[in-house]
C-alpha atoms as a PDB file:
ATOM      1  CA  MET A   1       7.576  -1.215  23.587  1.00  0.00           C
ATOM      2  CA  MET A   2       6.549  -2.022  20.490  1.00  0.00           C
ATOM      3  CA  ARG A   3       4.457   0.735  20.133  1.00  0.00           C
ATOM      4  CA  ARG A   4       7.258   3.124  21.153  1.00  0.00           C
ATOM      5  CA  ARG A   5       9.438   1.920  18.273  1.00  0.00           C
ATOM      6  CA  LEU A   6       7.134   2.238  15.682  1.00  0.00           C
ATOM      7  CA  SER A   7       6.888   5.735  13.148  1.00  0.00           C
ATOM      8  CA  ARG A   8       3.374   6.871  12.844  1.00  0.00           C
ATOM      9  CA  LEU A   9       3.260   5.688   9.431  1.00  0.00           C
ATOM     10  CA  SER A  10       3.928   1.929  10.811  1.00  0.00           C
ATOM     11  CA  ARG A  11       1.170   2.518  13.795  1.00  0.00           C
ATOM     12  CA  MET A  12      -1.060   2.824  10.963  1.00  0.00           C
ATOM     13  CA  ALA A  13      -0.389   0.171   8.851  1.00  0.00           C
ATOM     14  CA  PHE A  14      -0.609  -1.867  11.885  1.00  0.00           C
ATOM     15  CA  ARG A  15      -4.009  -0.715  12.601  1.00  0.00           C
ATOM     16  CA  VAL A  16      -5.305  -1.334   9.398  1.00  0.00           C
ATOM     17  CA  ALA A  17      -3.815  -4.758   9.007  1.00  0.00           C
ATOM     18  CA  THR A  18      -5.060  -5.581  12.550  1.00  0.00           C
ATOM     19  CA  ASP A  19      -8.403  -4.621  11.818  1.00  0.00           C
ATOM     20  CA  CYS A  20      -8.568  -6.378   8.758  1.00  0.00           C
ATOM     21  CA  LEU A  21      -7.687  -9.586  10.257  1.00  0.00           C
ATOM     22  CA  ALA A  22      -9.934  -9.951  13.186  1.00  0.00           C
ATOM     23  CA  GLU A  23     -12.394 -12.526  12.197  1.00  0.00           C
ATOM     24  CA  GLU A  24      -9.198 -14.191   9.944  1.00  0.00           C
ATOM     25  CA  GLU A  25      -8.639 -17.645  10.902  1.00  0.00           C
ATOM     26  CA  ASP A  26      -6.457 -19.461   7.609  1.00  0.00           C
ATOM     27  CA  PRO A  27      -2.565 -18.785   7.109  1.00  0.00           C
ATOM     28  CA  ILE A  28      -2.521 -16.117   4.495  1.00  0.00           C
ATOM     29  CA  ALA A  29       0.093 -14.075   2.991  1.00  0.00           C
ATOM     30  CA  TYR A  30       0.922 -10.542   3.032  1.00  0.00           C
ATOM     31  CA  VAL A  31       2.015  -7.709   0.624  1.00  0.00           C
ATOM     32  CA  PHE A  32       2.855  -4.263   2.437  1.00  0.00           C
ATOM     33  CA  CYS A  33       3.034  -1.477  -0.074  1.00  0.00           C
ATOM     34  CA  SER A  34       4.032   2.224   0.518  1.00  0.00           C
ATOM     35  CA  ARG A  35       5.456   4.614  -2.083  1.00  0.00           C
ATOM     36  CA  TYR A  36       8.079   6.386   0.489  1.00  0.00           C
ATOM     37  CA  GLY A  37       7.992   4.090   3.162  1.00  0.00           C
ATOM     38  CA  GLU A  38       9.550   5.168   6.271  1.00  0.00           C
ATOM     39  CA  TYR A  39      11.164   8.110   4.382  1.00  0.00           C
ATOM     40  CA  HIS A  40      10.658  10.434   7.340  1.00  0.00           C
ATOM     41  CA  ARG A  41      13.111   8.326   9.540  1.00  0.00           C
ATOM     42  CA  SER A  42      15.740   8.517   6.535  1.00  0.00           C
ATOM     43  CA  TYR A  43      15.359  12.535   6.230  1.00  0.00           C
ATOM     44  CA  GLY A  44      15.902  12.679   9.941  1.00  0.00           C
ATOM     45  CA  ILE A  45      19.300  10.595   9.832  1.00  0.00           C
ATOM     46  CA  LEU A  46      20.353  12.740   6.287  1.00  0.00           C
ATOM     47  CA  LYS A  47      19.596  15.948   8.632  1.00  0.00           C
ATOM     48  CA  ASP A  48      21.939  14.788  11.481  1.00  0.00           C
ATOM     49  CA  LEU A  49      24.479  14.101   9.025  1.00  0.00           C
ATOM     50  CA  ALA A  50      24.493  17.194   7.772  1.00  0.00           C
ATOM     51  CA  ASN A  51      24.703  18.886  10.787  1.00  0.00           C
ATOM     52  CA  GLY A  52      27.416  16.921  11.784  1.00  0.00           C
ATOM     53  CA  GLU A  53      25.696  14.900  14.541  1.00  0.00           C
ATOM     54  CA  PRO A  54      26.130  10.753  14.463  1.00  0.00           C
ATOM     55  CA  ALA A  55      23.383   8.779  13.069  1.00  0.00           C
ATOM     56  CA  SER A  56      21.129   6.915  15.241  1.00  0.00           C
ATOM     57  CA  ALA A  57      21.575   3.030  15.150  1.00  0.00           C
ATOM     58  CA  SER A  58      17.888   2.322  15.837  1.00  0.00           C
ATOM     59  CA  ALA A  59      16.648   5.088  13.456  1.00  0.00           C
ATOM     60  CA  PHE A  60      18.956   3.381  10.880  1.00  0.00           C
ATOM     61  CA  SER A  61      17.811  -0.063  11.537  1.00  0.00           C
ATOM     62  CA  MET A  62      14.262   1.128  11.287  1.00  0.00           C
ATOM     63  CA  SER A  63      14.336   2.817   8.011  1.00  0.00           C
ATOM     64  CA  VAL A  64      14.185   0.365   5.668  1.00  0.00           C
ATOM     65  CA  HIS A  65      11.020   0.080   3.323  1.00  0.00           C
ATOM     66  CA  ASN A  66      10.154  -3.553   4.939  1.00  0.00           C
ATOM     67  CA  THR A  67       9.844  -1.934   8.415  1.00  0.00           C
ATOM     68  CA  SER A  68       6.156  -2.028   8.922  1.00  0.00           C
ATOM     69  CA  ALA A  69       6.060  -5.323   6.956  1.00  0.00           C
ATOM     70  CA  SER A  70       8.787  -7.208   9.252  1.00  0.00           C
ATOM     71  CA  LEU A  71       7.724  -5.884  12.567  1.00  0.00           C
ATOM     72  CA  PHE A  72       4.288  -6.726  11.754  1.00  0.00           C
ATOM     73  CA  ALA A  73       5.601 -10.098  11.457  1.00  0.00           C
ATOM     74  CA  ILE A  74       7.443 -10.252  14.585  1.00  0.00           C
ATOM     75  CA  GLU A  75       5.085  -8.847  16.826  1.00  0.00           C
ATOM     76  CA  ASN A  76       2.581 -11.563  15.753  1.00  0.00           C
ATOM     77  CA  ARG A  77       5.094 -14.233  15.767  1.00  0.00           C
ATOM     78  CA  ASP A  78       3.927 -15.243  11.582  1.00  0.00           C
ATOM     79  CA  SER A  79       6.109 -16.721   9.513  1.00  0.00           C
ATOM     80  CA  SER A  80       4.114 -16.597   6.459  1.00  0.00           C
ATOM     81  CA  GLN A  81       5.134 -14.803   3.319  1.00  0.00           C
ATOM     82  CA  PHE A  82       5.582 -11.225   3.167  1.00  0.00           C
ATOM     83  CA  THR A  83       6.343  -9.161   0.923  1.00  0.00           C
ATOM     84  CA  ALA A  84       7.381  -5.044   0.889  1.00  0.00           C
ATOM     85  CA  VAL A  85       6.598  -3.266  -2.648  1.00  0.00           C
ATOM     86  CA  ALA A  86       7.511   0.150  -3.789  1.00  0.00           C
ATOM     87  CA  GLY A  87       6.289   1.144  -7.472  1.00  0.00           C
ATOM     88  CA  GLY A  88       6.181   4.756  -7.573  1.00  0.00           C
ATOM     89  CA  GLU A  89       3.181   6.448  -8.517  1.00  0.00           C
ATOM     90  CA  ALA A  90       1.708   3.394  -9.326  1.00  0.00           C
ATOM     91  CA  THR A  91       2.446   1.301  -5.972  1.00  0.00           C
ATOM     92  CA  LEU A  92      -1.355   0.171  -4.979  1.00  0.00           C
ATOM     93  CA  GLU A  93      -1.306  -1.478  -8.691  1.00  0.00           C
ATOM     94  CA  ALA A  94       2.343  -2.891  -8.018  1.00  0.00           C
ATOM     95  CA  ALA A  95       0.885  -4.820  -4.795  1.00  0.00           C
ATOM     96  CA  PHE A  96      -2.028  -5.415  -6.452  1.00  0.00           C
ATOM     97  CA  MET A  97      -0.533  -7.998  -8.943  1.00  0.00           C
ATOM     98  CA  GLU A  98       1.762  -9.364  -6.692  1.00  0.00           C
ATOM     99  CA  ALA A  99      -0.885 -10.590  -4.708  1.00  0.00           C
ATOM    100  CA  TRP A 100      -2.620 -11.627  -7.764  1.00  0.00           C
ATOM    101  CA  CYS A 101       0.504 -13.492  -8.610  1.00  0.00           C
ATOM    102  CA  LEU A 102       0.561 -14.898  -5.671  1.00  0.00           C
ATOM    103  CA  LEU A 103      -3.019 -16.130  -5.624  1.00  0.00           C
ATOM    104  CA  ARG A 104      -2.762 -17.630  -9.128  1.00  0.00           C
ATOM    105  CA  ASP A 105       0.373 -19.096  -8.455  1.00  0.00           C
ATOM    106  CA  ASP A 106      -1.451 -20.881  -5.387  1.00  0.00           C
ATOM    107  CA  ALA A 107       1.184 -19.562  -2.971  1.00  0.00           C
ATOM    108  CA  ALA A 108      -1.657 -18.256  -1.084  1.00  0.00           C
ATOM    109  CA  SER A 109      -5.617 -18.603  -0.963  1.00  0.00           C
ATOM    110  CA  THR A 110      -5.543 -15.075   0.968  1.00  0.00           C
ATOM    111  CA  VAL A 111      -3.213 -12.101   0.568  1.00  0.00           C
ATOM    112  CA  LEU A 112      -3.490  -9.112   2.920  1.00  0.00           C
ATOM    113  CA  VAL A 113      -2.692  -6.148   1.098  1.00  0.00           C
ATOM    114  CA  VAL A 114      -2.048  -3.324   2.991  1.00  0.00           C
ATOM    115  CA  TYR A 115      -1.457   0.040   1.781  1.00  0.00           C
ATOM    116  CA  HIS A 116       0.184   3.048   3.807  1.00  0.00           C
ATOM    117  CA  ASP A 117       1.848   6.383   3.141  1.00  0.00           C
ATOM    118  CA  GLU A 118       2.403   9.750   4.278  1.00  0.00           C
ATOM    119  CA  PRO A 119       3.601  13.213   2.185  1.00  0.00           C
ATOM    120  CA  LEU A 120       7.215  13.480   2.134  1.00  0.00           C
ATOM    121  CA  PRO A 121       8.977  16.349   4.234  1.00  0.00           C
ATOM    122  CA  GLU A 122       8.311  20.095   3.382  1.00  0.00           C
ATOM    123  CA  LEU A 123      11.459  20.392   1.805  1.00  0.00           C
ATOM    124  CA  TYR A 124      10.053  18.315  -1.265  1.00  0.00           C
ATOM    125  CA  ARG A 125       6.609  19.445  -1.436  1.00  0.00           C
ATOM    126  CA  ASP A 126       6.960  21.508  -4.542  1.00  0.00           C
ATOM    127  CA  GLN A 127       8.110  18.492  -6.362  1.00  0.00           C
ATOM    128  CA  ALA A 128       5.424  16.099  -8.329  1.00  0.00           C
ATOM    129  CA  THR A 129       3.889  13.305  -6.061  1.00  0.00           C
ATOM    130  CA  THR A 130       0.633  11.486  -6.091  1.00  0.00           C
ATOM    131  CA  VAL A 131       0.627  11.580  -2.281  1.00  0.00           C
ATOM    132  CA  PHE A 132      -0.882  14.358  -0.678  1.00  0.00           C
ATOM    133  CA  ASN A 133      -2.792  12.594   2.555  1.00  0.00           C
ATOM    134  CA  SER A 134      -1.483  10.323   5.280  1.00  0.00           C
ATOM    135  CA  ALA A 135      -3.386   7.192   4.788  1.00  0.00           C
ATOM    136  CA  ALA A 136      -3.855   3.357   5.285  1.00  0.00           C
ATOM    137  CA  PHE A 137      -5.941   1.034   4.472  1.00  0.00           C
ATOM    138  CA  ALA A 138      -5.956  -2.809   4.090  1.00  0.00           C
ATOM    139  CA  MET A 139      -7.942  -5.460   1.851  1.00  0.00           C
ATOM    140  CA  LEU A 140      -8.300  -9.037   1.961  1.00  0.00           C
ATOM    141  CA  LEU A 141      -7.748 -10.587  -1.855  1.00  0.00           C
ATOM    142  CA  ARG A 142      -9.048 -14.263  -2.913  1.00  0.00           C
ATOM    143  CA  LEU A 143      -9.306 -15.588  -6.318  1.00  0.00           C
ATOM    144  CA  PRO A 144     -12.990 -15.106  -7.504  1.00  0.00           C
ATOM    145  CA  ASP A 145     -15.488 -17.628  -5.835  1.00  0.00           C
ATOM    146  CA  GLY A 146     -19.010 -16.273  -6.388  1.00  0.00           C
ATOM    147  CA  ALA A 147     -19.088 -15.700  -2.742  1.00  0.00           C
ATOM    148  CA  ARG A 148     -22.300 -13.398  -1.996  1.00  0.00           C
ATOM    149  CA  ASP A 149     -20.812 -10.477   0.197  1.00  0.00           C
ATOM    150  CA  ALA A 150     -17.706 -10.412  -1.875  1.00  0.00           C
ATOM    151  CA  ILE A 151     -16.697  -7.219  -3.905  1.00  0.00           C
ATOM    152  CA  ASP A 152     -15.098  -8.107  -7.237  1.00  0.00           C
ATOM    153  CA  LEU A 153     -12.348  -5.875  -7.539  1.00  0.00           C
ATOM    154  CA  ARG A 154     -10.644  -5.413 -10.923  1.00  0.00           C
ATOM    155  CA  LEU A 155      -7.390  -3.850 -12.293  1.00  0.00           C
ATOM    156  CA  SER A 156      -6.553  -3.090 -16.143  1.00  0.00           C
ATOM    157  CA  TRP A 157      -4.119  -1.334 -17.782  1.00  0.00           C
ATOM    158  CA  ASP A 158      -3.291  -0.291 -21.115  1.00  0.00           C
ATOM    159  CA  ALA A 159      -0.517   1.526 -22.849  1.00  0.00           C
ATOM    160  CA  LYS A 160      -0.740   5.308 -22.833  1.00  0.00           C
ATOM    161  CA  THR A 161      -2.227   7.028 -26.142  1.00  0.00           C
ATOM    162  CA  GLU A 162      -4.352  10.140 -27.311  1.00  0.00           C
ATOM    163  CA  GLU A 163      -7.029   7.248 -27.626  1.00  0.00           C
ATOM    164  CA  THR A 164      -6.668   5.727 -23.967  1.00  0.00           C
ATOM    165  CA  ALA A 165      -6.079   9.335 -22.219  1.00  0.00           C
ATOM    166  CA  ALA A 166      -7.731   9.288 -18.898  1.00  0.00           C
ATOM    167  CA  PRO A 167     -10.913  11.625 -17.983  1.00  0.00           C
ATOM    168  CA  CYS A 168      -8.562  12.997 -15.199  1.00  0.00           C
ATOM    169  CA  ARG A 169      -5.924  12.340 -13.104  1.00  0.00           C
ATOM    170  CA  ALA A 170      -6.546  11.053  -9.637  1.00  0.00           C
ATOM    171  CA  SER A 171      -5.031  12.940  -6.877  1.00  0.00           C
ATOM    172  CA  ASP A 172      -4.076  10.459  -4.072  1.00  0.00           C
ATOM    173  CA  PRO A 173      -4.927   7.446  -6.517  1.00  0.00           C
ATOM    174  CA  ALA A 174      -4.990   4.806  -4.054  1.00  0.00           C
ATOM    175  CA  LEU A 175      -7.777   6.740  -1.706  1.00  0.00           C
ATOM    176  CA  GLN A 176      -9.758   6.716  -5.014  1.00  0.00           C
ATOM    177  CA  VAL A 177      -9.644   2.978  -5.222  1.00  0.00           C
ATOM    178  CA  LEU A 178     -10.913   2.567  -1.561  1.00  0.00           C
ATOM    179  CA  GLY A 179     -13.710   5.236  -2.032  1.00  0.00           C
ATOM    180  CA  LEU A 180     -14.427   2.760  -5.302  1.00  0.00           C
ATOM    181  CA  LEU A 181     -14.479   0.031  -2.620  1.00  0.00           C
ATOM    182  CA  LEU A 182     -16.541   1.698  -0.086  1.00  0.00           C
ATOM    183  CA  LYS A 183     -18.917   3.294  -2.286  1.00  0.00           C
ATOM    184  CA  GLY A 184     -18.637   2.107  -5.728  1.00  0.00           C
ATOM    185  CA  GLY A 185     -19.502   3.797  -8.808  1.00  0.00           C
ATOM    186  CA  ASP A 186     -17.730   4.752 -11.877  1.00  0.00           C
ATOM    187  CA  PRO A 187     -14.434   3.192 -12.804  1.00  0.00           C
ATOM    188  CA  VAL A 188     -11.243   5.206 -11.054  1.00  0.00           C
ATOM    189  CA  PHE A 189      -8.340   5.846 -13.708  1.00  0.00           C
ATOM    190  CA  PHE A 190      -5.040   6.724 -12.591  1.00  0.00           C
ATOM    191  CA  ASP A 191      -2.403   8.179 -15.460  1.00  0.00           C
ATOM    192  CA  THR A 192       1.039   7.953 -14.968  1.00  0.00           C
ATOM    193  CA  GLY A 193       2.161   9.388 -18.366  1.00  0.00           C
ATOM    194  CA  ARG A 194       3.124   5.701 -19.517  1.00  0.00           C
ATOM    195  CA  LEU A 195       0.328   3.676 -18.498  1.00  0.00           C
ATOM    196  CA  LEU A 196      -3.347   4.303 -17.905  1.00  0.00           C
ATOM    197  CA  TRP A 197      -4.666   2.154 -14.890  1.00  0.00           C
ATOM    198  CA  THR A 198      -8.561   1.787 -14.686  1.00  0.00           C
ATOM    199  CA  TRP A 199      -9.821   0.320 -11.303  1.00  0.00           C
ATOM    200  CA  SER A 200     -13.711  -0.792 -11.212  1.00  0.00           C
ATOM    201  CA  THR A 201     -15.862  -3.302  -8.984  1.00  0.00           C
ATOM    202  CA  SER A 202     -18.971  -5.118  -8.948  1.00  0.00           C
ATOM    203  CA  GLY A 203     -20.642  -6.896  -5.978  1.00  0.00           C
ATOM    204  CA  ALA A 204     -21.669  -6.006  -2.688  1.00  0.00           C
ATOM    205  CA  ARG A 205     -20.405  -2.982  -0.708  1.00  0.00           C
ATOM    206  CA  VAL A 206     -18.259  -3.052   2.347  1.00  0.00           C
END
């Protein structure tokens, strides 16, 4: 029944979150992040209204930005702390900082960050966007503890100036970060026009 209620986007989020938690036993906090969230549902509702048709109550209830996070908590009967984050172009960066704050404030010893997003409907395809592919991934974050199998993921940022200009503007920057986690390599730069974000890693690959 839950699977039928979930959108494609929420199913993606459920899958990566569940896989990431397969061997996790300790209580954790959750940060779900998506730039657009369930916008396809909202778009469908708006189209119905524009055509003079009534809005579906069930579709409306599932169109909020924290749909994936709340349904995941309900499905798993998990009363842990859940946060849903949307930070525009820097959505993954905002989620990472939210997780870091939870860890630093001892609100949780482990935070699961779940990124999930998909392109906007065709009507908006000509508008500037950082999301060109449907994708989801999850990562468990802890404060550095020297574990041998850990990846040290770092995020820094600077005010945008000519001196801090990025070598290039990454397409689908969240996927660039995923590639960095999986394969390592040079830092990933993400230029939002106001800030220059830099992701880097050291340690074991997964």
